[in-house]
Protein backbone atom coordinates (compact mmCIF):
# COMPACT_ATOMS: atom_id res chain seq x y z
CA THR A 1 0.00 0.00 0.00
CA LEU A 2 2.80 2.36 0.87
CA LEU A 3 4.62 1.64 -2.40
CA ALA A 4 1.40 2.25 -4.34
CA ALA A 5 0.95 5.59 -2.59
CA PHE A 6 4.50 6.65 -3.48
CA GLU A 7 4.00 5.60 -7.10
CA LEU A 8 0.74 7.55 -7.35
CA SER A 9 2.32 10.68 -5.90
CA LYS A 10 5.27 10.33 -8.30
CA ARG A 11 2.92 10.05 -11.28
CA ALA A 12 0.85 13.00 -10.11
CA PHE A 13 3.99 15.14 -9.77
CA GLU A 14 5.19 14.14 -13.26
CA HIS A 15 1.75 14.91 -14.71
CA ASP A 16 1.66 18.34 -13.02
CA SER A 17 5.15 19.21 -14.22
CA GLN A 18 4.17 18.35 -17.80
CA LYS A 19 1.08 20.56 -17.59
CA THR A 20 3.07 23.55 -16.40
CA LYS A 21 5.75 23.45 -19.10
CA ALA A 22 6.42 27.02 -20.14
CA ILE A 23 5.37 28.05 -23.62
CA HIS A 24 8.12 30.03 -25.35
CA THR A 25 7.55 29.20 -29.03
CA PRO A 26 4.56 28.37 -31.24
CA SER A 27 5.81 24.78 -31.31
CA ASP A 28 5.52 24.64 -27.51
CA SER A 29 1.81 25.49 -27.76
CA ILE A 30 1.00 22.73 -30.27
CA ILE A 31 0.81 20.07 -27.57
CA TYR A 32 -2.28 21.84 -26.18
CA LEU A 33 -3.88 22.26 -29.62
CA GLN A 34 -3.80 18.70 -30.96
CA THR A 35 -7.51 18.18 -30.44
CA ILE A 36 -8.59 20.97 -32.82
CA ARG A 37 -6.19 20.32 -35.72
CA SER A 38 -8.50 18.18 -37.85
CA LEU A 39 -11.97 19.30 -36.72
CA LYS A 40 -14.59 20.07 -39.39
CA LYS A 41 -15.60 23.42 -37.86
CA GLU A 42 -13.39 26.31 -36.82
CA HIS A 43 -12.58 26.28 -33.11
CA PHE A 44 -11.03 29.38 -31.56
CA VAL A 45 -9.00 28.52 -28.45
CA ALA A 46 -7.19 30.70 -25.94
CA LEU A 47 -4.22 29.57 -23.86
CA TYR A 48 -3.91 31.76 -20.76
CA LEU A 49 -0.42 32.05 -19.29
CA ASP A 50 1.09 33.23 -16.02
CA VAL A 51 4.14 35.53 -15.72
CA ARG A 52 6.48 32.62 -16.53
CA ASN A 53 4.44 31.59 -19.58
CA ASN A 54 3.09 28.49 -17.85
CA LEU A 55 -0.37 27.44 -18.97
CA ILE A 56 -2.90 28.27 -16.25
CA HIS A 57 -6.12 27.89 -18.24
CA GLN A 58 -7.23 26.75 -21.68
CA GLU A 59 -10.62 27.59 -23.11
CA THR A 60 -12.51 27.15 -26.37
CA ILE A 61 -13.92 30.64 -26.94
CA SER A 62 -15.90 29.98 -30.09
CA ILE A 63 -16.99 27.18 -32.38
CA GLY A 64 -17.83 28.49 -35.81
CA THR A 65 -18.75 27.08 -39.16
CA LEU A 66 -16.65 25.54 -41.88
CA ASN A 67 -14.76 28.79 -42.47
CA VAL A 68 -15.84 31.38 -39.88
CA SER A 69 -15.48 31.73 -36.14
CA ILE A 70 -16.92 34.76 -34.34
CA VAL A 71 -14.63 36.13 -31.62
CA HIS A 72 -15.13 39.22 -29.51
CA PRO A 73 -12.56 40.72 -27.11
CA ARG A 74 -15.06 40.71 -24.25
CA GLU A 75 -15.32 36.88 -24.28
CA VAL A 76 -11.58 36.39 -24.67
CA PHE A 77 -10.43 38.74 -21.95
CA ARG A 78 -13.18 37.94 -19.42
CA SER A 79 -11.59 34.54 -18.93
CA ALA A 80 -8.09 36.05 -18.96
CA ILE A 81 -9.03 38.36 -16.09
CA VAL A 82 -10.71 35.58 -14.10
CA ALA A 83 -7.64 33.36 -14.58
CA ASN A 84 -5.36 36.26 -13.61
CA ALA A 85 -3.46 35.74 -16.86
CA ASN A 86 -0.40 37.76 -17.76
CA ALA A 87 -0.44 36.76 -21.42
CA VAL A 88 -2.48 34.81 -23.93
CA ILE A 89 -1.89 32.77 -27.06
CA PHE A 90 -4.76 32.39 -29.49
CA SER A 91 -5.24 29.55 -31.89
CA HIS A 92 -7.79 28.30 -34.32
CA ASN A 93 -8.00 25.55 -36.87
CA HIS A 94 -8.62 25.84 -40.59
CA PRO A 95 -10.84 22.92 -41.64
CA SER A 96 -9.86 23.64 -45.26
CA GLY A 97 -6.29 22.61 -44.43
CA SER A 98 -4.88 25.97 -45.53
CA LEU A 99 -2.17 27.38 -43.28
CA GLU A 100 -2.51 30.89 -44.74
CA PRO A 101 -4.06 33.46 -42.39
CA SER A 102 -7.08 35.22 -43.87
CA ASP A 103 -7.52 38.98 -43.79
CA GLU A 104 -10.15 38.39 -41.08
CA ASP A 105 -7.67 36.31 -39.03
CA ILE A 106 -5.17 39.17 -39.15
CA ALA A 107 -7.77 41.85 -38.35
CA THR A 108 -9.17 39.83 -35.43
CA THR A 109 -5.69 39.24 -34.03
CA ARG A 110 -4.81 42.93 -34.23
CA ARG A 111 -8.10 43.91 -32.57
CA LEU A 112 -7.50 41.41 -29.76
CA SER A 113 -3.89 42.53 -29.40
CA ASP A 114 -4.99 46.17 -29.06
CA ALA A 115 -7.60 45.22 -26.44
CA GLY A 116 -5.06 43.15 -24.52
CA ARG A 117 -2.57 46.00 -24.53
CA LEU A 118 -5.20 48.27 -22.92
CA MET A 119 -5.71 45.74 -20.12
CA GLY A 120 -2.07 44.83 -19.64
CA ILE A 121 -2.49 41.30 -21.00
CA GLU A 122 0.01 40.59 -23.77
CA VAL A 123 -1.05 38.67 -26.86
CA LEU A 124 2.01 36.53 -27.51
CA ASP A 125 0.83 34.81 -30.68
CA HIS A 126 -2.02 33.55 -32.81
CA VAL A 127 -1.34 30.09 -34.18
CA ILE A 128 -3.33 28.58 -37.04
CA VAL A 129 -3.33 24.78 -36.95
CA THR A 130 -4.30 22.09 -39.42
CA SER A 131 -3.56 18.41 -39.69
CA ALA A 132 -0.66 19.43 -41.98
CA GLY A 133 1.07 21.81 -39.56
CA ARG A 134 0.91 25.27 -38.03
CA THR A 135 1.41 28.94 -38.86
CA SER A 136 2.38 31.58 -36.34
CA LEU A 137 1.19 35.13 -36.97
CA ARG A 138 3.98 36.35 -34.66
CA GLU A 139 6.63 34.61 -36.75
CA ARG A 140 5.16 36.24 -39.85
CA ASN A 141 5.31 39.66 -38.14
CA LEU A 142 1.53 40.09 -38.41
CA ILE A 143 1.05 40.98 -34.74
CA ASN A 144 1.97 44.50 -33.66
C-alpha cells in the first residue's frame, strides 16, 4: 500500500510538471492544440499564461462554421481576467487545411492585441493549426 501511494504521488507530480511546461515558441503550444487540428468546424482557443508563460487555463472561446469563427474581445479577456493571466496565445484551426491566415484572421488578431494591450495582457501569438502543420502570426510579423 505504501509503495502504491509513493508511485501515485510520483505520477501526479510528473503529470503536473508536464502541464506547467512554459510556452516560449509556437511549437511549444502545439501540444495543447492537438484536439482541434482536424476538426470540421473552426474552433477558436485561448491559452492563458502566467508571468512565466506556464499554462494556467485553456478555453474554447468559439466554435464556428466551416470557415468562420466569431470572436469578440469581451469573451476572450473575461476569462483572462478571471484566470489572472499575464499573457495569452490564441489559436484556431482551418478545416480547409490551408495554413494561410485570412484577412479576417489578421484583423481579429490585431483587434484582440490592441484590447489586450489596454488591459495589460500581452497577446504573444495567434497560431493557425491544421492536420498538416501550423502557422504563427507572430513569426510572420503580423502581430503588432
